[in-house]
Amino acid sequence: MKPPLHDASARQHSGEPSSGLGPVDIRKDRLRTPDLTSVGEIAGLVDRSTQELRRAWRTLHHTGPPLGLSRDLIIRGLADKLQQRAQGGPTRALQRRLRILAGEFERGARSFDPGGVLKTGATLVRQWRGHTHTVLVREDGFEYDGQRYRSLTVIAERITGAHWSGPRFFATGKRARAS
């Protein structure tokens, strides 16, 4: 008995239905065709023993799995790592947003406002004492006056010379959008 084929071109020549995934123009879209060997690896994780899964975790993550992690979560962690290897990981903007949300969670926030996210490439403009100040939103922070900053608050303090909430100074809150 032959092993199952996981190659789309083999299915096309065998008469089996195609998956419908054709080549994707990476210039237009960040999506790529799946690495079929990784898909096969991910599907095969379920059949491995827990000891084999732990060894695979050490290989991929360069450390052992956290103590008390269930078999299911080990499989999910391995699958995520394999998928990232094949498709690429999260963007810098997503990583930044996740760090912000984690910080809010650690400070005890009970809900999160997705409206507070500024899109990369957006320009914030503020008039202050007769001068126009422009800030560019970047994937890894903000750019003002040719320098990069991690927060709007630091920029607002630099402009005013006093402590200001950056989002309030640049009117990026809910009230500003509603008007």
N, C-alpha and C. Protein backbone atom coordinates (compact mmCIF):
# COMPACT_ATOMS: atom_id res chain seq x y z
N MET A 1 0.84 -1.19 0.00
CA MET A 1 0.00 0.00 0.00
C MET A 1 0.88 1.24 0.00
N LYS A 2 0.55 2.18 -0.87
CA LYS A 2 1.34 3.40 -1.00
C LYS A 2 0.96 4.41 0.08
N PRO A 3 1.94 5.20 0.58
CA PRO A 3 1.58 6.28 1.52
C PRO A 3 0.79 7.35 0.80
N PRO A 4 -0.09 8.07 1.53
CA PRO A 4 -0.88 9.11 0.88
C PRO A 4 0.00 10.23 0.37
N LEU A 5 -0.37 10.77 -0.77
CA LEU A 5 0.37 11.88 -1.36
C LEU A 5 -0.15 13.19 -0.80
N HIS A 6 0.78 14.09 -0.46
CA HIS A 6 0.39 15.39 0.07
C HIS A 6 0.80 16.51 -0.89
N ASP A 7 0.99 16.18 -2.12
CA ASP A 7 1.45 17.16 -3.09
C ASP A 7 0.29 17.51 -4.02
N ALA A 8 -0.03 18.81 -4.12
CA ALA A 8 -1.16 19.26 -4.94
C ALA A 8 -0.95 18.88 -6.40
N SER A 9 0.30 18.95 -6.90
CA SER A 9 0.53 18.62 -8.30
C SER A 9 0.29 17.13 -8.54
N ALA A 10 0.60 16.28 -7.56
CA ALA A 10 0.34 14.85 -7.71
C ALA A 10 -1.15 14.59 -7.79
N ARG A 11 -1.94 15.34 -6.99
CA ARG A 11 -3.40 15.16 -7.05
C ARG A 11 -3.94 15.57 -8.41
N GLN A 12 -3.39 16.64 -8.97
CA GLN A 12 -3.88 17.10 -10.27
C GLN A 12 -3.65 16.04 -11.34
N HIS A 13 -2.48 15.38 -11.29
CA HIS A 13 -2.17 14.39 -12.31
C HIS A 13 -2.86 13.06 -12.06
N SER A 14 -3.31 12.82 -10.84
CA SER A 14 -3.95 11.54 -10.53
C SER A 14 -5.45 11.58 -10.77
N GLY A 15 -5.98 12.78 -11.02
CA GLY A 15 -7.42 12.90 -11.22
C GLY A 15 -8.17 13.22 -9.94
N GLU A 16 -7.47 13.27 -8.79
CA GLU A 16 -8.13 13.64 -7.54
C GLU A 16 -8.44 15.12 -7.55
N PRO A 17 -9.44 15.54 -6.79
CA PRO A 17 -9.77 16.96 -6.74
C PRO A 17 -8.62 17.76 -6.16
N SER A 18 -8.40 18.92 -6.72
CA SER A 18 -7.35 19.81 -6.25
C SER A 18 -7.83 20.56 -5.02
N SER A 19 -6.91 21.01 -4.20
CA SER A 19 -7.27 21.76 -2.99
C SER A 19 -7.73 23.17 -3.34
N GLY A 20 -7.50 23.60 -4.57
CA GLY A 20 -7.89 24.95 -4.95
C GLY A 20 -6.83 25.98 -4.61
N LEU A 21 -5.75 25.55 -3.99
CA LEU A 21 -4.69 26.48 -3.64
C LEU A 21 -3.70 26.54 -4.79
N GLY A 22 -3.68 27.66 -5.45
CA GLY A 22 -2.71 27.86 -6.50
C GLY A 22 -1.63 28.78 -6.00
N PRO A 23 -0.65 29.08 -6.84
CA PRO A 23 0.40 29.99 -6.40
C PRO A 23 -0.18 31.36 -6.10
N VAL A 24 0.32 32.00 -5.08
CA VAL A 24 -0.17 33.30 -4.66
C VAL A 24 0.92 34.33 -4.96
N ASP A 25 0.53 35.47 -5.49
CA ASP A 25 1.49 36.54 -5.77
C ASP A 25 1.84 37.21 -4.45
N ILE A 26 3.03 36.95 -3.93
CA ILE A 26 3.44 37.46 -2.64
C ILE A 26 3.51 38.98 -2.63
N ARG A 27 3.76 39.58 -3.78
CA ARG A 27 3.83 41.05 -3.83
C ARG A 27 2.48 41.67 -3.51
N LYS A 28 1.39 41.02 -3.90
CA LYS A 28 0.06 41.55 -3.64
C LYS A 28 -0.45 41.20 -2.26
N ASP A 29 -0.08 40.02 -1.79
CA ASP A 29 -0.65 39.51 -0.56
C ASP A 29 0.45 38.79 0.21
N ARG A 30 0.44 38.93 1.53
CA ARG A 30 1.48 38.29 2.34
C ARG A 30 1.26 36.80 2.48
N LEU A 31 0.08 36.31 2.08
CA LEU A 31 -0.18 34.88 2.17
C LEU A 31 0.67 34.13 1.16
N ARG A 32 1.09 32.96 1.52
CA ARG A 32 1.86 32.11 0.62
C ARG A 32 1.18 30.76 0.55
N THR A 33 1.54 29.98 -0.44
CA THR A 33 0.99 28.63 -0.48
C THR A 33 1.57 27.87 0.68
N PRO A 34 0.79 26.99 1.28
CA PRO A 34 1.29 26.27 2.46
C PRO A 34 2.45 25.36 2.11
N ASP A 35 3.40 25.24 3.01
CA ASP A 35 4.49 24.29 2.87
C ASP A 35 3.90 22.93 3.21
N LEU A 36 3.72 22.10 2.20
CA LEU A 36 2.98 20.86 2.40
C LEU A 36 3.71 19.89 3.31
N THR A 37 5.03 19.96 3.40
CA THR A 37 5.72 19.08 4.34
C THR A 37 5.38 19.49 5.77
N SER A 38 5.23 20.80 6.03
CA SER A 38 4.86 21.25 7.38
C SER A 38 3.43 20.83 7.71
N VAL A 39 2.55 20.88 6.72
CA VAL A 39 1.17 20.45 6.95
C VAL A 39 1.17 18.98 7.33
N GLY A 40 1.98 18.20 6.64
CA GLY A 40 2.08 16.78 6.97
C GLY A 40 2.68 16.57 8.35
N GLU A 41 3.69 17.37 8.70
CA GLU A 41 4.30 17.27 10.03
C GLU A 41 3.28 17.61 11.11
N ILE A 42 2.51 18.67 10.88
CA ILE A 42 1.51 19.09 11.87
C ILE A 42 0.47 17.99 12.05
N ALA A 43 0.00 17.43 10.96
CA ALA A 43 -1.01 16.36 11.05
C ALA A 43 -0.45 15.14 11.77
N GLY A 44 0.85 14.87 11.63
CA GLY A 44 1.47 13.72 12.26
C GLY A 44 1.76 13.88 13.74
N LEU A 45 1.63 15.08 14.27
CA LEU A 45 1.91 15.30 15.69
C LEU A 45 1.01 14.48 16.60
N VAL A 46 -0.24 14.31 16.20
CA VAL A 46 -1.22 13.60 17.02
C VAL A 46 -0.80 12.15 17.23
N ASP A 47 -0.11 11.56 16.27
CA ASP A 47 0.26 10.15 16.35
C ASP A 47 1.54 9.91 17.15
N ARG A 48 2.24 10.97 17.54
CA ARG A 48 3.50 10.81 18.28
C ARG A 48 3.24 10.58 19.76
N SER A 49 4.20 9.93 20.40
CA SER A 49 4.10 9.73 21.85
C SER A 49 4.42 11.05 22.55
N THR A 50 4.02 11.14 23.81
CA THR A 50 4.27 12.36 24.58
C THR A 50 5.77 12.61 24.70
N GLN A 51 6.54 11.56 24.86
CA GLN A 51 7.99 11.71 24.96
C GLN A 51 8.57 12.26 23.65
N GLU A 52 8.09 11.77 22.52
CA GLU A 52 8.55 12.29 21.23
C GLU A 52 8.15 13.75 21.06
N LEU A 53 6.95 14.11 21.53
CA LEU A 53 6.49 15.50 21.44
C LEU A 53 7.39 16.41 22.27
N ARG A 54 7.78 15.96 23.45
CA ARG A 54 8.66 16.76 24.31
C ARG A 54 10.03 16.95 23.65
N ARG A 55 10.54 15.91 23.00
CA ARG A 55 11.83 16.04 22.28
C ARG A 55 11.69 17.02 21.13
N ALA A 56 10.59 16.94 20.40
CA ALA A 56 10.36 17.86 19.28
C ALA A 56 10.25 19.30 19.79
N TRP A 57 9.61 19.48 20.95
CA TRP A 57 9.49 20.82 21.56
C TRP A 57 10.89 21.38 21.83
N ARG A 58 11.74 20.53 22.44
CA ARG A 58 13.12 20.98 22.75
C ARG A 58 13.86 21.38 21.48
N THR A 59 13.65 20.64 20.42
CA THR A 59 14.32 20.93 19.15
C THR A 59 13.85 22.27 18.57
N LEU A 60 12.54 22.48 18.56
CA LEU A 60 11.98 23.69 17.94
C LEU A 60 12.11 24.94 18.81
N HIS A 61 11.91 24.79 20.13
CA HIS A 61 11.89 25.95 21.02
C HIS A 61 13.21 26.17 21.76
N HIS A 62 14.15 25.23 21.62
CA HIS A 62 15.46 25.31 22.28
C HIS A 62 15.35 25.32 23.80
N THR A 63 14.28 24.75 24.31
CA THR A 63 14.06 24.57 25.74
C THR A 63 12.96 23.53 25.90
N GLY A 64 12.87 22.97 27.09
CA GLY A 64 11.81 21.99 27.32
C GLY A 64 10.46 22.66 27.46
N PRO A 65 9.37 21.89 27.28
CA PRO A 65 8.05 22.47 27.46
C PRO A 65 7.83 22.84 28.93
N PRO A 66 7.02 23.85 29.21
CA PRO A 66 6.75 24.23 30.60
C PRO A 66 6.18 23.05 31.39
N LEU A 67 6.52 22.99 32.67
CA LEU A 67 6.01 21.92 33.53
C LEU A 67 4.49 21.99 33.60
N GLY A 68 3.87 20.83 33.56
CA GLY A 68 2.42 20.77 33.69
C GLY A 68 1.67 21.04 32.40
N LEU A 69 2.38 21.25 31.30
CA LEU A 69 1.71 21.51 30.02
C LEU A 69 1.12 20.21 29.52
N SER A 70 -0.17 20.22 29.20
CA SER A 70 -0.84 19.00 28.75
C SER A 70 -0.35 18.59 27.36
N ARG A 71 -0.59 17.35 27.02
CA ARG A 71 -0.20 16.82 25.71
C ARG A 71 -0.84 17.66 24.60
N ASP A 72 -2.11 18.00 24.79
CA ASP A 72 -2.82 18.80 23.79
C ASP A 72 -2.14 20.16 23.56
N LEU A 73 -1.74 20.80 24.65
CA LEU A 73 -1.10 22.11 24.50
C LEU A 73 0.31 21.99 23.92
N ILE A 74 0.99 20.90 24.20
CA ILE A 74 2.29 20.67 23.58
C ILE A 74 2.11 20.55 22.06
N ILE A 75 1.11 19.78 21.65
CA ILE A 75 0.84 19.62 20.22
C ILE A 75 0.51 20.98 19.59
N ARG A 76 -0.32 21.77 20.26
CA ARG A 76 -0.67 23.09 19.72
C ARG A 76 0.54 24.00 19.62
N GLY A 77 1.41 23.95 20.63
CA GLY A 77 2.63 24.78 20.60
C GLY A 77 3.56 24.38 19.47
N LEU A 78 3.69 23.08 19.25
CA LEU A 78 4.52 22.59 18.15
C LEU A 78 3.91 22.96 16.80
N ALA A 79 2.59 22.79 16.68
CA ALA A 79 1.91 23.13 15.43
C ALA A 79 2.07 24.62 15.11
N ASP A 80 1.95 25.47 16.14
CA ASP A 80 2.12 26.91 15.92
C ASP A 80 3.52 27.22 15.43
N LYS A 81 4.52 26.61 16.06
CA LYS A 81 5.91 26.86 15.67
C LYS A 81 6.18 26.38 14.25
N LEU A 82 5.66 25.22 13.89
CA LEU A 82 5.83 24.71 12.53
C LEU A 82 5.13 25.61 11.51
N GLN A 83 3.94 26.09 11.87
CA GLN A 83 3.21 26.98 10.97
C GLN A 83 3.96 28.30 10.80
N GLN A 84 4.51 28.84 11.88
CA GLN A 84 5.30 30.07 11.77
C GLN A 84 6.52 29.86 10.89
N ARG A 85 7.13 28.71 11.01
CA ARG A 85 8.31 28.41 10.19
C ARG A 85 7.92 28.38 8.71
N ALA A 86 6.76 27.82 8.40
CA ALA A 86 6.32 27.69 7.01
C ALA A 86 5.72 28.99 6.47
N GLN A 87 4.93 29.68 7.28
CA GLN A 87 4.17 30.83 6.79
C GLN A 87 4.73 32.18 7.25
N GLY A 88 5.61 32.18 8.21
CA GLY A 88 6.09 33.44 8.78
C GLY A 88 5.31 33.72 10.05
N GLY A 89 5.94 34.43 10.96
CA GLY A 89 5.33 34.71 12.25
C GLY A 89 4.49 35.97 12.22
N PRO A 90 4.04 36.41 13.39
CA PRO A 90 3.24 37.62 13.46
C PRO A 90 4.05 38.86 13.09
N THR A 91 3.38 39.87 12.55
CA THR A 91 4.05 41.10 12.16
C THR A 91 4.50 41.86 13.42
N ARG A 92 5.38 42.82 13.23
CA ARG A 92 5.83 43.64 14.35
C ARG A 92 4.66 44.40 14.97
N ALA A 93 3.76 44.86 14.13
CA ALA A 93 2.60 45.61 14.64
C ALA A 93 1.74 44.72 15.54
N LEU A 94 1.53 43.48 15.14
CA LEU A 94 0.75 42.56 15.96
C LEU A 94 1.49 42.25 17.26
N GLN A 95 2.79 42.03 17.18
CA GLN A 95 3.57 41.76 18.39
C GLN A 95 3.47 42.94 19.35
N ARG A 96 3.55 44.16 18.81
CA ARG A 96 3.45 45.37 19.63
C ARG A 96 2.09 45.46 20.30
N ARG A 97 1.03 45.18 19.55
CA ARG A 97 -0.32 45.25 20.09
C ARG A 97 -0.52 44.20 21.18
N LEU A 98 0.02 43.01 20.97
CA LEU A 98 -0.10 41.97 21.98
C LEU A 98 0.65 42.35 23.26
N ARG A 99 1.82 43.00 23.12
CA ARG A 99 2.54 43.46 24.31
C ARG A 99 1.72 44.50 25.06
N ILE A 100 1.06 45.40 24.32
CA ILE A 100 0.22 46.43 24.95
C ILE A 100 -0.94 45.78 25.70
N LEU A 101 -1.60 44.83 25.04
CA LEU A 101 -2.73 44.16 25.68
C LEU A 101 -2.29 43.37 26.90
N ALA A 102 -1.14 42.71 26.82
CA ALA A 102 -0.62 41.96 27.97
C ALA A 102 -0.33 42.91 29.13
N GLY A 103 0.23 44.08 28.82
CA GLY A 103 0.50 45.07 29.86
C GLY A 103 -0.78 45.56 30.52
N GLU A 104 -1.82 45.81 29.72
CA GLU A 104 -3.11 46.23 30.26
C GLU A 104 -3.70 45.14 31.14
N PHE A 105 -3.57 43.89 30.70
CA PHE A 105 -4.08 42.78 31.48
C PHE A 105 -3.35 42.68 32.83
N GLU A 106 -2.03 42.83 32.80
CA GLU A 106 -1.24 42.75 34.04
C GLU A 106 -1.60 43.88 35.00
N ARG A 107 -2.02 45.02 34.47
CA ARG A 107 -2.43 46.14 35.33
C ARG A 107 -3.87 46.00 35.81
N GLY A 108 -4.54 44.93 35.42
CA GLY A 108 -5.88 44.66 35.93
C GLY A 108 -7.01 45.17 35.06
N ALA A 109 -6.75 45.52 33.82
CA ALA A 109 -7.83 45.97 32.94
C ALA A 109 -8.80 44.82 32.71
N ARG A 110 -10.09 45.11 32.81
CA ARG A 110 -11.09 44.05 32.64
C ARG A 110 -11.59 43.96 31.21
N SER A 111 -11.40 45.00 30.45
CA SER A 111 -11.78 44.96 29.04
C SER A 111 -10.75 45.74 28.23
N PHE A 112 -10.74 45.49 26.95
CA PHE A 112 -9.76 46.12 26.08
C PHE A 112 -10.48 46.83 24.96
N ASP A 113 -10.00 48.01 24.62
CA ASP A 113 -10.62 48.82 23.58
C ASP A 113 -9.87 48.61 22.27
N PRO A 114 -10.42 47.81 21.34
CA PRO A 114 -9.73 47.62 20.08
C PRO A 114 -9.70 48.88 19.24
N GLY A 115 -10.55 49.86 19.57
CA GLY A 115 -10.56 51.12 18.83
C GLY A 115 -9.34 51.97 19.10
N GLY A 116 -8.58 51.63 20.13
CA GLY A 116 -7.40 52.41 20.48
C GLY A 116 -6.19 52.09 19.63
N VAL A 117 -6.34 51.21 18.67
CA VAL A 117 -5.21 50.80 17.84
C VAL A 117 -5.06 51.78 16.68
N LEU A 118 -3.87 52.33 16.56
CA LEU A 118 -3.58 53.22 15.44
C LEU A 118 -2.95 52.41 14.31
N LYS A 119 -3.38 52.64 13.10
CA LYS A 119 -2.86 51.88 11.97
C LYS A 119 -1.49 52.41 11.57
N THR A 120 -0.61 51.48 11.22
CA THR A 120 0.71 51.83 10.75
C THR A 120 0.58 52.72 9.51
N GLY A 121 1.34 53.81 9.51
CA GLY A 121 1.31 54.75 8.39
C GLY A 121 0.41 55.95 8.64
N ALA A 122 -0.41 55.89 9.68
CA ALA A 122 -1.29 57.02 10.01
C ALA A 122 -0.44 58.21 10.47
N THR A 123 -0.93 59.40 10.22
CA THR A 123 -0.25 60.62 10.64
C THR A 123 -1.12 61.34 11.65
N LEU A 124 -0.54 61.70 12.79
CA LEU A 124 -1.23 62.47 13.81
C LEU A 124 -0.71 63.90 13.75
N VAL A 125 -1.62 64.85 13.72
CA VAL A 125 -1.23 66.25 13.63
C VAL A 125 -1.84 67.00 14.80
N ARG A 126 -1.04 67.85 15.44
CA ARG A 126 -1.52 68.64 16.58
C ARG A 126 -0.90 70.03 16.51
N GLN A 127 -1.73 71.03 16.66
CA GLN A 127 -1.27 72.42 16.78
C GLN A 127 -0.98 72.69 18.25
N TRP A 128 0.16 73.26 18.55
CA TRP A 128 0.50 73.59 19.93
C TRP A 128 1.32 74.87 19.93
N ARG A 129 0.74 75.93 20.54
CA ARG A 129 1.38 77.23 20.67
C ARG A 129 1.93 77.74 19.34
N GLY A 130 1.09 77.66 18.33
CA GLY A 130 1.43 78.24 17.02
C GLY A 130 2.28 77.34 16.13
N HIS A 131 2.62 76.18 16.56
CA HIS A 131 3.42 75.26 15.76
C HIS A 131 2.62 73.99 15.47
N THR A 132 2.82 73.45 14.28
CA THR A 132 2.17 72.20 13.90
C THR A 132 3.15 71.06 14.15
N HIS A 133 2.69 70.07 14.88
CA HIS A 133 3.52 68.91 15.20
C HIS A 133 2.90 67.69 14.54
N THR A 134 3.73 66.94 13.81
CA THR A 134 3.27 65.77 13.06
C THR A 134 3.99 64.52 13.55
N VAL A 135 3.22 63.47 13.81
CA VAL A 135 3.76 62.19 14.28
C VAL A 135 3.32 61.11 13.30
N LEU A 136 4.25 60.27 12.90
CA LEU A 136 3.96 59.15 12.01
C LEU A 136 3.88 57.88 12.83
N VAL A 137 2.79 57.12 12.66
CA VAL A 137 2.64 55.84 13.37
C VAL A 137 3.40 54.79 12.58
N ARG A 138 4.33 54.12 13.26
CA ARG A 138 5.15 53.08 12.64
C ARG A 138 4.81 51.73 13.26
N GLU A 139 5.29 50.65 12.65
CA GLU A 139 5.03 49.32 13.19
C GLU A 139 5.60 49.16 14.59
N ASP A 140 6.76 49.78 14.83
CA ASP A 140 7.45 49.57 16.10
C ASP A 140 7.39 50.78 17.02
N GLY A 141 6.43 51.68 16.80
CA GLY A 141 6.30 52.86 17.66
C GLY A 141 5.85 54.07 16.86
N PHE A 142 6.50 55.20 17.14
CA PHE A 142 6.11 56.46 16.51
C PHE A 142 7.36 57.22 16.08
N GLU A 143 7.20 58.06 15.07
CA GLU A 143 8.31 58.89 14.61
C GLU A 143 7.88 60.35 14.70
N TYR A 144 8.72 61.14 15.38
CA TYR A 144 8.45 62.56 15.51
C TYR A 144 9.78 63.29 15.37
N ASP A 145 9.79 64.29 14.52
CA ASP A 145 10.96 65.14 14.34
C ASP A 145 12.21 64.31 14.03
N GLY A 146 12.04 63.28 13.18
CA GLY A 146 13.16 62.46 12.75
C GLY A 146 13.65 61.43 13.76
N GLN A 147 12.99 61.32 14.91
CA GLN A 147 13.41 60.34 15.92
C GLN A 147 12.27 59.37 16.20
N ARG A 148 12.63 58.16 16.61
CA ARG A 148 11.62 57.14 16.94
C ARG A 148 11.36 57.13 18.43
N TYR A 149 10.09 56.92 18.77
CA TYR A 149 9.66 56.86 20.16
C TYR A 149 8.77 55.65 20.34
N ARG A 150 8.74 55.11 21.57
CA ARG A 150 7.89 53.95 21.85
C ARG A 150 6.48 54.36 22.24
N SER A 151 6.29 55.62 22.70
CA SER A 151 4.95 56.01 23.13
C SER A 151 4.64 57.45 22.74
N LEU A 152 3.36 57.71 22.59
CA LEU A 152 2.90 59.06 22.30
C LEU A 152 3.10 59.98 23.50
N THR A 153 3.05 59.44 24.69
CA THR A 153 3.18 60.24 25.90
C THR A 153 4.55 60.93 25.95
N VAL A 154 5.60 60.22 25.58
CA VAL A 154 6.94 60.80 25.57
C VAL A 154 7.00 61.96 24.57
N ILE A 155 6.35 61.79 23.43
CA ILE A 155 6.33 62.85 22.41
C ILE A 155 5.55 64.05 22.93
N ALA A 156 4.40 63.81 23.56
CA ALA A 156 3.59 64.91 24.10
C ALA A 156 4.38 65.68 25.16
N GLU A 157 5.12 64.97 26.00
CA GLU A 157 5.94 65.63 27.01
C GLU A 157 7.04 66.46 26.38
N ARG A 158 7.62 65.94 25.31
CA ARG A 158 8.68 66.69 24.62
C ARG A 158 8.12 67.97 24.01
N ILE A 159 6.93 67.90 23.44
CA ILE A 159 6.33 69.07 22.81
C ILE A 159 5.93 70.12 23.84
N THR A 160 5.30 69.68 24.92
CA THR A 160 4.73 70.62 25.88
C THR A 160 5.67 70.99 27.03
N GLY A 161 6.63 70.12 27.30
CA GLY A 161 7.50 70.36 28.45
C GLY A 161 6.86 69.95 29.77
N ALA A 162 5.68 69.35 29.71
CA ALA A 162 4.97 68.91 30.92
C ALA A 162 4.41 67.51 30.66
N HIS A 163 4.03 66.83 31.73
CA HIS A 163 3.47 65.50 31.57
C HIS A 163 2.06 65.58 30.99
N TRP A 164 1.87 64.91 29.85
CA TRP A 164 0.58 64.82 29.19
C TRP A 164 0.35 63.35 28.83
N SER A 165 -0.89 62.95 28.79
CA SER A 165 -1.23 61.66 28.21
C SER A 165 -1.11 61.81 26.70
N GLY A 166 -0.28 61.00 26.08
CA GLY A 166 -0.08 61.10 24.63
C GLY A 166 -1.36 60.92 23.83
N PRO A 167 -2.15 59.84 24.10
CA PRO A 167 -3.39 59.66 23.36
C PRO A 167 -4.36 60.83 23.57
N ARG A 168 -4.36 61.41 24.76
CA ARG A 168 -5.24 62.55 25.02
C ARG A 168 -4.74 63.79 24.28
N PHE A 169 -3.43 64.02 24.33
CA PHE A 169 -2.84 65.19 23.65
C PHE A 169 -3.11 65.15 22.15
N PHE A 170 -2.98 63.97 21.55
CA PHE A 170 -3.20 63.84 20.11
C PHE A 170 -4.64 63.46 19.77
N ALA A 171 -5.51 63.43 20.77
CA ALA A 171 -6.94 63.17 20.59
C ALA A 171 -7.21 61.89 19.82
N THR A 172 -6.62 60.79 20.30
CA THR A 172 -6.86 59.51 19.64
C THR A 172 -7.89 58.67 20.37
N GLY A 173 -8.53 59.22 21.42
CA GLY A 173 -9.51 58.47 22.21
C GLY A 173 -10.87 58.37 21.54
N LYS A 174 -11.82 57.73 22.23
CA LYS A 174 -13.18 57.51 21.70
C LYS A 174 -13.92 58.84 21.43
N ARG A 175 -13.80 59.76 22.35
CA ARG A 175 -14.54 61.02 22.20
C ARG A 175 -14.11 61.77 20.95
N ALA A 176 -12.83 61.74 20.65
CA ALA A 176 -12.33 62.45 19.47
C ALA A 176 -12.88 61.85 18.20
N ARG A 177 -13.03 60.52 18.16
CA ARG A 177 -13.56 59.86 16.96
C ARG A 177 -15.04 60.11 16.79
N ALA A 178 -15.76 60.26 17.90
CA ALA A 178 -17.20 60.43 17.82
C ALA A 178 -17.58 61.81 17.28
N SER A 179 -16.75 62.80 17.47
CA SER A 179 -17.10 64.16 17.02
C SER A 179 -16.72 64.43 15.59
